[in-house]
Amino acid sequence: MIVKILIAVLIFGITVIIHELGHFLLAKANGITVTEFSIGFGPTVVKTEKGGTVYSFTSAFRRCVPDARRGR
């Protein structure tokens, strides 16, 4: 059961990456400025810049820190 869930998550992730890559490539091909292309969310793990675009891979986890302004 767990293996099937992991495979489904992996396939979904690959599909999303390919979909977003399509937006990126179409924008570049039509001369639209793309400032950043990132895979994931959260803190940046690796990033590089080429041709005015920042390419980054971010971790999928974000450390939850209480907001001092809310008193929590």
PDB file of N, CA and C in Angstrom:
ATOM      1  N   MET A   1       0.823  -1.199   0.000  1.00  0.00           N
ATOM      2  CA  MET A   1       0.000   0.000   0.000  1.00  0.00           C
ATOM      3  C   MET A   1       0.867   1.262   0.000  1.00  0.00           C
ATOM      4  N   ILE A   2       1.859   1.293   0.877  1.00  0.00           N
ATOM      5  CA  ILE A   2       2.749   2.450   0.965  1.00  0.00           C
ATOM      6  C   ILE A   2       3.514   2.630  -0.342  1.00  0.00           C
ATOM      7  N   VAL A   3       3.957   1.536  -0.933  1.00  0.00           N
ATOM      8  CA  VAL A   3       4.709   1.606  -2.190  1.00  0.00           C
ATOM      9  C   VAL A   3       3.843   2.214  -3.283  1.00  0.00           C
ATOM     10  N   LYS A   4       2.577   1.827  -3.341  1.00  0.00           N
ATOM     11  CA  LYS A   4       1.675   2.377  -4.360  1.00  0.00           C
ATOM     12  C   LYS A   4       1.476   3.876  -4.161  1.00  0.00           C
ATOM     13  N   ILE A   5       1.363   4.304  -2.908  1.00  0.00           N
ATOM     14  CA  ILE A   5       1.209   5.739  -2.625  1.00  0.00           C
ATOM     15  C   ILE A   5       2.468   6.495  -3.041  1.00  0.00           C
ATOM     16  N   LEU A   6       3.637   5.962  -2.703  1.00  0.00           N
ATOM     17  CA  LEU A   6       4.900   6.621  -3.085  1.00  0.00           C
ATOM     18  C   LEU A   6       5.060   6.697  -4.599  1.00  0.00           C
ATOM     19  N   ILE A   7       4.679   5.637  -5.289  1.00  0.00           N
ATOM     20  CA  ILE A   7       4.758   5.644  -6.758  1.00  0.00           C
ATOM     21  C   ILE A   7       3.805   6.693  -7.328  1.00  0.00           C
ATOM     22  N   ALA A   8       2.588   6.784  -6.777  1.00  0.00           N
ATOM     23  CA  ALA A   8       1.623   7.788  -7.246  1.00  0.00           C
ATOM     24  C   ALA A   8       2.142   9.203  -7.015  1.00  0.00           C
ATOM     25  N   VAL A   9       2.724   9.451  -5.835  1.00  0.00           N
ATOM     26  CA  VAL A   9       3.289  10.776  -5.538  1.00  0.00           C
ATOM     27  C   VAL A   9       4.439  11.094  -6.486  1.00  0.00           C
ATOM     28  N   LEU A  10       5.292  10.124  -6.749  1.00  0.00           N
ATOM     29  CA  LEU A  10       6.416  10.318  -7.670  1.00  0.00           C
ATOM     30  C   LEU A  10       5.926  10.631  -9.084  1.00  0.00           C
ATOM     31  N   ILE A  11       4.959   9.870  -9.569  1.00  0.00           N
ATOM     32  CA  ILE A  11       4.415  10.115 -10.910  1.00  0.00           C
ATOM     33  C   ILE A  11       3.762  11.487 -10.989  1.00  0.00           C
ATOM     34  N   PHE A  12       3.005  11.853  -9.950  1.00  0.00           N
ATOM     35  CA  PHE A  12       2.370  13.167  -9.923  1.00  0.00           C
ATOM     36  C   PHE A  12       3.423  14.271  -9.939  1.00  0.00           C
ATOM     37  N   GLY A  13       4.469  14.105  -9.139  1.00  0.00           N
ATOM     38  CA  GLY A  13       5.548  15.094  -9.097  1.00  0.00           C
ATOM     39  C   GLY A  13       6.232  15.271 -10.439  1.00  0.00           C
ATOM     40  N   ILE A  14       6.513  14.170 -11.099  1.00  0.00           N
ATOM     41  CA  ILE A  14       7.157  14.231 -12.422  1.00  0.00           C
ATOM     42  C   ILE A  14       6.229  14.923 -13.416  1.00  0.00           C
ATOM     43  N   THR A  15       4.938  14.615 -13.343  1.00  0.00           N
ATOM     44  CA  THR A  15       3.971  15.245 -14.246  1.00  0.00           C
ATOM     45  C   THR A  15       3.923  16.756 -14.031  1.00  0.00           C
ATOM     46  N   VAL A  16       3.928  17.190 -12.783  1.00  0.00           N
ATOM     47  CA  VAL A  16       3.905  18.631 -12.479  1.00  0.00           C
ATOM     48  C   VAL A  16       5.172  19.307 -12.995  1.00  0.00           C
ATOM     49  N   ILE A  17       6.324  18.674 -12.799  1.00  0.00           N
ATOM     50  CA  ILE A  17       7.589  19.256 -13.269  1.00  0.00           C
ATOM     51  C   ILE A  17       7.573  19.401 -14.784  1.00  0.00           C
ATOM     52  N   ILE A  18       7.125  18.376 -15.496  1.00  0.00           N
ATOM     53  CA  ILE A  18       7.055  18.449 -16.963  1.00  0.00           C
ATOM     54  C   ILE A  18       6.080  19.544 -17.395  1.00  0.00           C
ATOM     55  N   HIS A  19       4.952  19.650 -16.715  1.00  0.00           N
ATOM     56  CA  HIS A  19       3.956  20.679 -17.029  1.00  0.00           C
ATOM     57  C   HIS A  19       4.547  22.081 -16.859  1.00  0.00           C
ATOM     58  N   GLU A  20       5.189  22.325 -15.724  1.00  0.00           N
ATOM     59  CA  GLU A  20       5.775  23.635 -15.460  1.00  0.00           C
ATOM     60  C   GLU A  20       6.939  23.927 -16.409  1.00  0.00           C
ATOM     61  N   LEU A  21       7.692  22.905 -16.761  1.00  0.00           N
ATOM     62  CA  LEU A  21       8.777  23.072 -17.732  1.00  0.00           C
ATOM     63  C   LEU A  21       8.221  23.519 -19.081  1.00  0.00           C
ATOM     64  N   GLY A  22       7.040  23.029 -19.425  1.00  0.00           N
ATOM     65  CA  GLY A  22       6.382  23.470 -20.662  1.00  0.00           C
ATOM     66  C   GLY A  22       6.093  24.959 -20.648  1.00  0.00           C
ATOM     67  N   HIS A  23       5.587  25.471 -19.512  1.00  0.00           N
ATOM     68  CA  HIS A  23       5.358  26.921 -19.386  1.00  0.00           C
ATOM     69  C   HIS A  23       6.671  27.681 -19.555  1.00  0.00           C
ATOM     70  N   PHE A  24       7.709  27.181 -18.891  1.00  0.00           N
ATOM     71  CA  PHE A  24       9.021  27.829 -18.930  1.00  0.00           C
ATOM     72  C   PHE A  24       9.567  27.882 -20.362  1.00  0.00           C
ATOM     73  N   LEU A  25       9.561  26.746 -21.041  1.00  0.00           N
ATOM     74  CA  LEU A  25      10.129  26.689 -22.398  1.00  0.00           C
ATOM     75  C   LEU A  25       9.334  27.546 -23.379  1.00  0.00           C
ATOM     76  N   LEU A  26       8.007  27.538 -23.244  1.00  0.00           N
ATOM     77  CA  LEU A  26       7.179  28.351 -24.132  1.00  0.00           C
ATOM     78  C   LEU A  26       7.435  29.837 -23.892  1.00  0.00           C
ATOM     79  N   ALA A  27       7.570  30.236 -22.641  1.00  0.00           N
ATOM     80  CA  ALA A  27       7.863  31.640 -22.331  1.00  0.00           C
ATOM     81  C   ALA A  27       9.208  32.040 -22.923  1.00  0.00           C
ATOM     82  N   LYS A  28      10.238  31.218 -22.708  1.00  0.00           N
ATOM     83  CA  LYS A  28      11.566  31.521 -23.255  1.00  0.00           C
ATOM     84  C   LYS A  28      11.535  31.602 -24.778  1.00  0.00           C
ATOM     85  N   ALA A  29      10.826  30.673 -25.410  1.00  0.00           N
ATOM     86  CA  ALA A  29      10.754  30.645 -26.876  1.00  0.00           C
ATOM     87  C   ALA A  29      10.067  31.880 -27.449  1.00  0.00           C
ATOM     88  N   ASN A  30       9.194  32.507 -26.661  1.00  0.00           N
ATOM     89  CA  ASN A  30       8.472  33.686 -27.124  1.00  0.00           C
ATOM     90  C   ASN A  30       9.043  34.987 -26.595  1.00  0.00           C
ATOM     91  N   GLY A  31      10.263  34.928 -26.047  1.00  0.00           N
ATOM     92  CA  GLY A  31      10.952  36.134 -25.620  1.00  0.00           C
ATOM     93  C   GLY A  31      10.445  36.731 -24.317  1.00  0.00           C
ATOM     94  N   ILE A  32       9.695  35.968 -23.539  1.00  0.00           N
ATOM     95  CA  ILE A  32       9.201  36.456 -22.255  1.00  0.00           C
ATOM     96  C   ILE A  32      10.287  36.231 -21.204  1.00  0.00           C
ATOM     97  N   THR A  33      10.564  37.253 -20.403  1.00  0.00           N
ATOM     98  CA  THR A  33      11.595  37.153 -19.380  1.00  0.00           C
ATOM     99  C   THR A  33      11.141  36.227 -18.263  1.00  0.00           C
ATOM    100  N   VAL A  34      11.958  35.239 -17.970  1.00  0.00           N
ATOM    101  CA  VAL A  34      11.698  34.337 -16.852  1.00  0.00           C
ATOM    102  C   VAL A  34      12.791  34.602 -15.822  1.00  0.00           C
ATOM    103  N   THR A  35      12.407  35.149 -14.671  1.00  0.00           N
ATOM    104  CA  THR A  35      13.407  35.513 -13.672  1.00  0.00           C
ATOM    105  C   THR A  35      13.841  34.325 -12.820  1.00  0.00           C
ATOM    106  N   GLU A  36      12.922  33.361 -12.611  1.00  0.00           N
ATOM    107  CA  GLU A  36      13.296  32.206 -11.788  1.00  0.00           C
ATOM    108  C   GLU A  36      12.491  30.982 -12.177  1.00  0.00           C
ATOM    109  N   PHE A  37      13.169  29.834 -12.212  1.00  0.00           N
ATOM    110  CA  PHE A  37      12.524  28.544 -12.406  1.00  0.00           C
ATOM    111  C   PHE A  37      12.958  27.670 -11.251  1.00  0.00           C
ATOM    112  N   SER A  38      11.995  27.285 -10.423  1.00  0.00           N
ATOM    113  CA  SER A  38      12.308  26.555  -9.205  1.00  0.00           C
ATOM    114  C   SER A  38      11.523  25.260  -9.141  1.00  0.00           C
ATOM    115  N   ILE A  39      12.163  24.230  -8.645  1.00  0.00           N
ATOM    116  CA  ILE A  39      11.496  22.964  -8.386  1.00  0.00           C
ATOM    117  C   ILE A  39      11.412  22.812  -6.873  1.00  0.00           C
ATOM    118  N   GLY A  40      10.197  22.683  -6.356  1.00  0.00           N
ATOM    119  CA  GLY A  40       9.993  22.533  -4.925  1.00  0.00           C
ATOM    120  C   GLY A  40       9.556  23.831  -4.289  1.00  0.00           C
ATOM    121  N   PHE A  41       9.539  23.828  -2.971  1.00  0.00           N
ATOM    122  CA  PHE A  41       9.208  25.018  -2.199  1.00  0.00           C
ATOM    123  C   PHE A  41       9.969  24.938  -0.887  1.00  0.00           C
ATOM    124  N   GLY A  42      10.054  26.047  -0.204  1.00  0.00           N
ATOM    125  CA  GLY A  42      10.811  26.084   1.041  1.00  0.00           C
ATOM    126  C   GLY A  42      12.198  26.654   0.813  1.00  0.00           C
ATOM    127  N   PRO A  43      13.104  26.399   1.749  1.00  0.00           N
ATOM    128  CA  PRO A  43      14.464  26.940   1.644  1.00  0.00           C
ATOM    129  C   PRO A  43      15.210  26.392   0.421  1.00  0.00           C
ATOM    130  N   THR A  44      16.010  27.244  -0.199  1.00  0.00           N
ATOM    131  CA  THR A  44      16.782  26.850  -1.376  1.00  0.00           C
ATOM    132  C   THR A  44      17.914  25.913  -0.988  1.00  0.00           C
ATOM    133  N   VAL A  45      18.019  24.809  -1.724  1.00  0.00           N
ATOM    134  CA  VAL A  45      19.089  23.841  -1.499  1.00  0.00           C
ATOM    135  C   VAL A  45      20.237  24.127  -2.460  1.00  0.00           C
ATOM    136  N   VAL A  46      19.907  24.297  -3.742  1.00  0.00           N
ATOM    137  CA  VAL A  46      20.902  24.567  -4.782  1.00  0.00           C
ATOM    138  C   VAL A  46      20.313  25.596  -5.729  1.00  0.00           C
ATOM    139  N   LYS A  47      21.132  26.573  -6.134  1.00  0.00           N
ATOM    140  CA  LYS A  47      20.664  27.510  -7.158  1.00  0.00           C
ATOM    141  C   LYS A  47      21.838  27.964  -8.008  1.00  0.00           C
ATOM    142  N   THR A  48      21.501  28.305  -9.239  1.00  0.00           N
ATOM    143  CA  THR A  48      22.489  28.822 -10.173  1.00  0.00           C
ATOM    144  C   THR A  48      21.775  29.820 -11.086  1.00  0.00           C
ATOM    145  N   GLU A  49      22.540  30.705 -11.690  1.00  0.00           N
ATOM    146  CA  GLU A  49      21.959  31.687 -12.587  1.00  0.00           C
ATOM    147  C   GLU A  49      22.599  31.553 -13.954  1.00  0.00           C
ATOM    148  N   LYS A  50      21.756  31.573 -14.978  1.00  0.00           N
ATOM    149  CA  LYS A  50      22.257  31.486 -16.351  1.00  0.00           C
ATOM    150  C   LYS A  50      21.292  32.246 -17.247  1.00  0.00           C
ATOM    151  N   GLY A  51      21.818  33.128 -18.036  1.00  0.00           N
ATOM    152  CA  GLY A  51      21.002  33.874 -18.992  1.00  0.00           C
ATOM    153  C   GLY A  51      19.921  34.742 -18.354  1.00  0.00           C
ATOM    154  N   GLY A  52      20.170  35.251 -17.162  1.00  0.00           N
ATOM    155  CA  GLY A  52      19.202  36.110 -16.502  1.00  0.00           C
ATOM    156  C   GLY A  52      18.109  35.366 -15.750  1.00  0.00           C
ATOM    157  N   THR A  53      18.184  34.038 -15.741  1.00  0.00           N
ATOM    158  CA  THR A  53      17.205  33.227 -15.025  1.00  0.00           C
ATOM    159  C   THR A  53      17.902  32.495 -13.886  1.00  0.00           C
ATOM    160  N   VAL A  54      17.277  32.541 -12.714  1.00  0.00           N
ATOM    161  CA  VAL A  54      17.786  31.795 -11.565  1.00  0.00           C
ATOM    162  C   VAL A  54      17.096  30.433 -11.573  1.00  0.00           C
ATOM    163  N   TYR A  55      17.883  29.381 -11.604  1.00  0.00           N
ATOM    164  CA  TYR A  55      17.375  28.021 -11.540  1.00  0.00           C
ATOM    165  C   TYR A  55      17.647  27.510 -10.133  1.00  0.00           C
ATOM    166  N   SER A  56      16.609  26.986  -9.467  1.00  0.00           N
ATOM    167  CA  SER A  56      16.822  26.545  -8.092  1.00  0.00           C
ATOM    168  C   SER A  56      16.058  25.257  -7.795  1.00  0.00           C
ATOM    169  N   PHE A  57      16.611  24.517  -6.852  1.00  0.00           N
ATOM    170  CA  PHE A  57      15.983  23.321  -6.310  1.00  0.00           C
ATOM    171  C   PHE A  57      15.829  23.581  -4.829  1.00  0.00           C
ATOM    172  N   THR A  58      14.606  23.474  -4.346  1.00  0.00           N
ATOM    173  CA  THR A  58      14.347  23.791  -2.950  1.00  0.00           C
ATOM    174  C   THR A  58      13.868  22.555  -2.212  1.00  0.00           C
ATOM    175  N   SER A  59      14.056  22.574  -0.902  1.00  0.00           N
ATOM    176  CA  SER A  59      13.602  21.429  -0.110  1.00  0.00           C
ATOM    177  C   SER A  59      12.081  21.429  -0.061  1.00  0.00           C
ATOM    178  N   ALA A  60      11.521  20.282   0.174  1.00  0.00           N
ATOM    179  CA  ALA A  60      10.066  20.167   0.227  1.00  0.00           C
ATOM    180  C   ALA A  60       9.541  20.413   1.633  1.00  0.00           C
ATOM    181  N   PHE A  61      10.417  20.762   2.542  1.00  0.00           N
ATOM    182  CA  PHE A  61       9.994  20.947   3.926  1.00  0.00           C
ATOM    183  C   PHE A  61      10.360  22.344   4.401  1.00  0.00           C
ATOM    184  N   ARG A  62       9.490  22.921   5.170  1.00  0.00           N
ATOM    185  CA  ARG A  62       9.724  24.245   5.729  1.00  0.00           C
ATOM    186  C   ARG A  62       9.611  24.131   7.247  1.00  0.00           C
ATOM    187  N   ARG A  63      10.607  24.621   7.925  1.00  0.00           N
ATOM    188  CA  ARG A  63      10.568  24.582   9.384  1.00  0.00           C
ATOM    189  C   ARG A  63       9.530  25.591   9.873  1.00  0.00           C
ATOM    190  N   CYS A  64       8.631  25.149  10.689  1.00  0.00           N
ATOM    191  CA  CYS A  64       7.594  26.039  11.217  1.00  0.00           C
ATOM    192  C   CYS A  64       8.135  26.777  12.431  1.00  0.00           C
ATOM    193  N   VAL A  65       8.137  28.094  12.344  1.00  0.00           N
ATOM    194  CA  VAL A  65       8.628  28.930  13.435  1.00  0.00           C
ATOM    195  C   VAL A  65       7.460  29.790  13.896  1.00  0.00           C
ATOM    196  N   PRO A  66       7.187  29.822  15.193  1.00  0.00           N
ATOM    197  CA  PRO A  66       6.087  30.670  15.678  1.00  0.00           C
ATOM    198  C   PRO A  66       6.328  32.138  15.325  1.00  0.00           C
ATOM    199  N   ASP A  67       5.267  32.825  15.009  1.00  0.00           N
ATOM    200  CA  ASP A  67       5.332  34.244  14.655  1.00  0.00           C
ATOM    201  C   ASP A  67       5.261  35.064  15.948  1.00  0.00           C
ATOM    202  N   ALA A  68       6.341  35.749  16.288  1.00  0.00           N
ATOM    203  CA  ALA A  68       6.412  36.521  17.530  1.00  0.00           C
ATOM    204  C   ALA A  68       5.385  37.653  17.548  1.00  0.00           C
ATOM    205  N   ARG A  69       5.004  38.155  16.389  1.00  0.00           N
ATOM    206  CA  ARG A  69       4.037  39.244  16.332  1.00  0.00           C
ATOM    207  C   ARG A  69       2.654  38.785  16.765  1.00  0.00           C
ATOM    208  N   ARG A  70       2.383  37.509  16.661  1.00  0.00           N
ATOM    209  CA  ARG A  70       1.080  36.974  17.053  1.00  0.00           C
ATOM    210  C   ARG A  70       1.065  36.491  18.493  1.00  0.00           C
ATOM    211  N   GLY A  71       2.204  36.538  19.149  1.00  0.00           N
ATOM    212  CA  GLY A  71       2.284  36.125  20.539  1.00  0.00           C
ATOM    213  C   GLY A  71       2.221  34.625  20.739  1.00  0.00           C
ATOM    214  N   ARG A  72       2.633  33.861  19.718  1.00  0.00           N
ATOM    215  CA  ARG A  72       2.621  32.397  19.819  1.00  0.00           C
ATOM    216  C   ARG A  72       4.022  31.849  19.824  1.00  0.00           C
TER     217      ARG A  72
END
